[in-house]
């Protein structure tokens, strides 16, 4: 699996709050939950420094990130929060 850069980081992680599947860069749909993957870093809603640490620059001049472990979500709590917000 290719390590993410600031440009393709959103392709790498599924954006669904109930899925923590890592996907290959360029995939159209998540392998874990079949959700459509967001394109590029525009889908990343958290400050990049909270998500991981930059390990340096690759041979193409792009930053390489070491991501923190994705948060696990208790599905019963997630459903309750979603229901309350509706």
N, C-alpha and C. Protein backbone atom coordinates (compact mmCIF):
# COMPACT_ATOMS: atom_id res chain seq x y z
N UNK A 1 0.84 -1.18 0.00
CA UNK A 1 0.00 0.00 0.00
C UNK A 1 0.89 1.24 0.00
N UNK A 2 0.57 2.19 -0.81
CA UNK A 2 1.32 3.43 -0.91
C UNK A 2 1.04 4.31 0.30
N UNK A 3 2.08 4.93 0.85
CA UNK A 3 1.86 5.87 1.95
C UNK A 3 1.20 7.13 1.42
N UNK A 4 0.32 7.73 2.20
CA UNK A 4 -0.39 8.92 1.71
C UNK A 4 0.46 10.18 1.74
N UNK A 5 0.13 11.11 0.88
CA UNK A 5 0.70 12.45 0.91
C UNK A 5 -0.44 13.41 1.23
N UNK A 6 -0.14 14.69 1.36
CA UNK A 6 -1.19 15.66 1.66
C UNK A 6 -2.22 15.73 0.55
N UNK A 7 -1.88 15.32 -0.65
CA UNK A 7 -2.80 15.39 -1.79
C UNK A 7 -3.74 14.19 -1.82
N UNK A 8 -3.24 13.00 -1.52
CA UNK A 8 -4.07 11.81 -1.68
C UNK A 8 -4.50 11.17 -0.36
N UNK A 9 -4.38 11.88 0.74
CA UNK A 9 -4.68 11.31 2.05
C UNK A 9 -6.14 10.87 2.16
N UNK A 10 -7.05 11.60 1.55
CA UNK A 10 -8.47 11.25 1.66
C UNK A 10 -8.81 9.99 0.87
N UNK A 11 -8.04 9.69 -0.15
CA UNK A 11 -8.27 8.44 -0.87
C UNK A 11 -7.93 7.25 0.02
N UNK A 12 -6.97 7.42 0.88
CA UNK A 12 -6.40 6.32 1.64
C UNK A 12 -7.31 5.82 2.75
N UNK A 13 -7.97 6.74 3.45
CA UNK A 13 -8.86 6.37 4.55
C UNK A 13 -10.31 6.55 4.15
N UNK A 14 -11.14 5.60 4.52
CA UNK A 14 -12.57 5.74 4.28
C UNK A 14 -13.08 6.88 5.15
N UNK A 15 -13.93 7.75 4.62
CA UNK A 15 -14.44 8.90 5.36
C UNK A 15 -15.67 8.57 6.20
N UNK A 16 -16.20 7.36 6.08
CA UNK A 16 -17.37 6.98 6.86
C UNK A 16 -17.00 6.91 8.34
N UNK A 17 -17.87 7.45 9.21
CA UNK A 17 -17.54 7.44 10.64
C UNK A 17 -17.75 6.08 11.29
N UNK A 18 -18.25 5.11 10.54
CA UNK A 18 -18.42 3.76 11.08
C UNK A 18 -17.46 2.76 10.46
N UNK A 19 -16.50 3.24 9.67
CA UNK A 19 -15.57 2.35 8.98
C UNK A 19 -14.15 2.90 9.14
N UNK A 20 -13.21 2.03 9.40
CA UNK A 20 -11.81 2.46 9.52
C UNK A 20 -10.92 1.74 8.52
N UNK A 21 -11.51 1.26 7.44
CA UNK A 21 -10.78 0.51 6.43
C UNK A 21 -9.78 1.40 5.70
N UNK A 22 -8.56 0.89 5.50
CA UNK A 22 -7.56 1.56 4.69
C UNK A 22 -7.73 1.09 3.26
N UNK A 23 -7.73 1.99 2.31
CA UNK A 23 -7.92 1.66 0.90
C UNK A 23 -6.70 2.06 0.10
N UNK A 24 -6.52 1.42 -1.04
CA UNK A 24 -5.44 1.80 -1.95
C UNK A 24 -5.78 3.12 -2.61
N UNK A 25 -4.76 3.93 -2.84
CA UNK A 25 -4.95 5.22 -3.50
C UNK A 25 -5.49 4.98 -4.90
N UNK A 26 -6.51 5.74 -5.26
CA UNK A 26 -7.12 5.61 -6.58
C UNK A 26 -8.36 4.75 -6.60
N UNK A 27 -8.67 4.05 -5.48
CA UNK A 27 -9.89 3.25 -5.43
C UNK A 27 -11.10 4.18 -5.48
N UNK A 28 -12.16 3.74 -6.13
CA UNK A 28 -13.40 4.52 -6.21
C UNK A 28 -14.30 4.29 -5.01
N UNK A 29 -14.31 3.04 -4.49
CA UNK A 29 -15.19 2.68 -3.39
C UNK A 29 -14.38 1.98 -2.29
N UNK A 30 -14.84 2.12 -1.05
CA UNK A 30 -14.18 1.51 0.10
C UNK A 30 -14.32 -0.01 0.04
N UNK A 31 -13.21 -0.71 0.33
CA UNK A 31 -13.24 -2.17 0.33
C UNK A 31 -13.98 -2.71 1.55
N UNK A 32 -14.09 -1.91 2.61
CA UNK A 32 -14.74 -2.37 3.84
C UNK A 32 -16.24 -2.18 3.86
N UNK A 33 -16.72 -1.02 3.41
CA UNK A 33 -18.16 -0.72 3.52
C UNK A 33 -18.79 -0.32 2.20
N UNK A 34 -18.02 -0.30 1.12
CA UNK A 34 -18.48 0.03 -0.23
C UNK A 34 -18.93 1.49 -0.37
N UNK A 35 -18.58 2.34 0.59
CA UNK A 35 -18.92 3.76 0.47
C UNK A 35 -18.07 4.39 -0.63
N UNK A 36 -18.62 5.39 -1.30
CA UNK A 36 -17.85 6.10 -2.32
C UNK A 36 -16.78 6.92 -1.60
N UNK A 37 -15.54 6.79 -2.05
CA UNK A 37 -14.44 7.50 -1.41
C UNK A 37 -14.37 8.93 -1.91
N UNK A 38 -14.05 9.84 -1.01
CA UNK A 38 -13.91 11.25 -1.36
C UNK A 38 -12.65 11.44 -2.19
N UNK A 39 -12.65 12.46 -3.02
CA UNK A 39 -11.49 12.73 -3.87
C UNK A 39 -10.58 13.77 -3.22
N UNK A 40 -9.34 13.40 -3.03
CA UNK A 40 -8.33 14.35 -2.57
C UNK A 40 -8.51 14.84 -1.16
N UNK A 41 -7.67 15.75 -0.75
CA UNK A 41 -7.64 16.24 0.62
C UNK A 41 -8.81 17.13 0.97
N UNK A 42 -9.64 17.51 0.01
CA UNK A 42 -10.79 18.37 0.31
C UNK A 42 -11.77 17.69 1.25
N UNK A 43 -11.76 16.36 1.31
CA UNK A 43 -12.68 15.64 2.18
C UNK A 43 -12.18 15.57 3.62
N UNK A 44 -10.94 15.89 3.85
CA UNK A 44 -10.35 15.77 5.19
C UNK A 44 -10.83 16.91 6.05
N UNK A 45 -11.60 16.62 7.09
CA UNK A 45 -12.25 17.68 7.85
C UNK A 45 -11.53 18.02 9.15
N UNK A 46 -10.42 17.39 9.43
CA UNK A 46 -9.68 17.65 10.65
C UNK A 46 -8.33 18.25 10.28
N UNK A 47 -7.77 19.03 11.17
CA UNK A 47 -6.44 19.60 10.94
C UNK A 47 -5.45 18.46 10.70
N UNK A 48 -4.68 18.54 9.65
CA UNK A 48 -3.77 17.45 9.27
C UNK A 48 -2.80 17.10 10.39
N UNK A 49 -2.40 18.06 11.20
CA UNK A 49 -1.47 17.79 12.30
C UNK A 49 -2.11 16.96 13.41
N UNK A 50 -3.45 16.97 13.50
CA UNK A 50 -4.14 16.14 14.48
C UNK A 50 -4.28 14.71 13.97
N UNK A 51 -4.15 14.52 12.68
CA UNK A 51 -4.36 13.21 12.05
C UNK A 51 -3.11 12.38 11.97
N UNK A 52 -1.97 13.03 11.95
CA UNK A 52 -0.72 12.30 11.82
C UNK A 52 0.47 13.23 11.83
N UNK A 53 1.63 12.66 11.58
CA UNK A 53 2.86 13.46 11.57
C UNK A 53 3.55 13.30 10.23
N UNK A 54 4.11 14.39 9.76
CA UNK A 54 4.85 14.36 8.51
C UNK A 54 6.21 13.69 8.77
N UNK A 55 6.51 12.64 8.00
CA UNK A 55 7.78 11.92 8.17
C UNK A 55 8.88 12.49 7.30
N UNK A 56 8.53 13.36 6.38
CA UNK A 56 9.53 13.94 5.50
C UNK A 56 8.99 14.11 4.09
N UNK A 57 9.88 14.30 3.16
CA UNK A 57 9.52 14.55 1.77
C UNK A 57 10.00 13.37 0.93
N UNK A 58 9.13 12.88 0.01
CA UNK A 58 9.52 11.77 -0.84
C UNK A 58 10.34 12.27 -2.03
N UNK A 59 10.72 11.35 -2.91
CA UNK A 59 11.58 11.70 -4.05
C UNK A 59 10.90 12.63 -5.06
N UNK A 60 9.57 12.74 -4.98
CA UNK A 60 8.84 13.64 -5.88
C UNK A 60 8.56 14.99 -5.24
N UNK A 61 9.08 15.20 -4.03
CA UNK A 61 8.90 16.48 -3.34
C UNK A 61 7.59 16.60 -2.58
N UNK A 62 6.90 15.49 -2.36
CA UNK A 62 5.63 15.53 -1.64
C UNK A 62 5.83 15.04 -0.21
N UNK A 63 5.04 15.61 0.71
CA UNK A 63 5.12 15.21 2.11
C UNK A 63 4.59 13.79 2.28
N UNK A 64 5.22 13.02 3.17
CA UNK A 64 4.78 11.66 3.49
C UNK A 64 4.31 11.67 4.93
N UNK A 65 3.07 11.19 5.16
CA UNK A 65 2.46 11.27 6.47
C UNK A 65 2.40 9.92 7.16
N UNK A 66 2.65 9.91 8.47
CA UNK A 66 2.43 8.75 9.32
C UNK A 66 1.15 9.04 10.09
N UNK A 67 0.07 8.37 9.72
CA UNK A 67 -1.24 8.67 10.31
C UNK A 67 -1.40 8.03 11.67
N UNK A 68 -2.13 8.72 12.57
CA UNK A 68 -2.49 8.14 13.85
C UNK A 68 -3.54 7.06 13.61
N UNK A 69 -3.67 6.16 14.55
CA UNK A 69 -4.68 5.10 14.46
C UNK A 69 -6.07 5.73 14.37
N UNK A 70 -6.88 5.23 13.48
CA UNK A 70 -8.25 5.73 13.33
C UNK A 70 -9.06 5.43 14.59
N UNK A 71 -9.97 6.34 14.93
CA UNK A 71 -10.81 6.14 16.10
C UNK A 71 -11.86 5.07 15.80
N UNK A 72 -12.08 4.21 16.77
CA UNK A 72 -13.17 3.23 16.66
C UNK A 72 -14.43 3.89 17.19
N UNK A 73 -15.54 3.65 16.56
CA UNK A 73 -16.80 4.26 16.96
C UNK A 73 -17.74 3.17 17.45
N UNK A 74 -18.35 3.38 18.62
CA UNK A 74 -19.38 2.48 19.11
C UNK A 74 -20.62 2.73 18.27
N UNK A 75 -21.04 1.73 17.50
CA UNK A 75 -22.15 1.93 16.57
C UNK A 75 -23.44 2.33 17.26
N UNK A 76 -23.70 1.83 18.46
CA UNK A 76 -24.93 2.21 19.15
C UNK A 76 -24.91 3.69 19.51
N UNK A 77 -23.75 4.22 19.92
CA UNK A 77 -23.64 5.64 20.23
C UNK A 77 -23.74 6.48 18.96
N UNK A 78 -23.11 6.03 17.88
CA UNK A 78 -23.15 6.77 16.62
C UNK A 78 -24.57 6.85 16.10
N UNK A 79 -25.31 5.74 16.18
CA UNK A 79 -26.71 5.75 15.72
C UNK A 79 -27.56 6.66 16.58
N UNK A 80 -27.34 6.63 17.90
CA UNK A 80 -28.11 7.48 18.81
C UNK A 80 -27.84 8.95 18.52
N UNK A 81 -26.58 9.32 18.30
CA UNK A 81 -26.25 10.71 18.00
C UNK A 81 -26.88 11.15 16.69
N UNK A 82 -26.84 10.27 15.68
CA UNK A 82 -27.43 10.61 14.38
C UNK A 82 -28.94 10.77 14.52
N UNK A 83 -29.59 9.88 15.28
CA UNK A 83 -31.03 9.94 15.46
C UNK A 83 -31.43 11.24 16.16
N UNK A 84 -30.66 11.64 17.17
CA UNK A 84 -30.96 12.87 17.90
C UNK A 84 -30.79 14.11 17.03
N UNK A 85 -29.87 14.05 16.07
CA UNK A 85 -29.63 15.23 15.23
C UNK A 85 -30.67 15.36 14.12
N UNK A 86 -31.44 14.31 13.86
CA UNK A 86 -32.46 14.36 12.81
C UNK A 86 -33.66 15.03 13.29
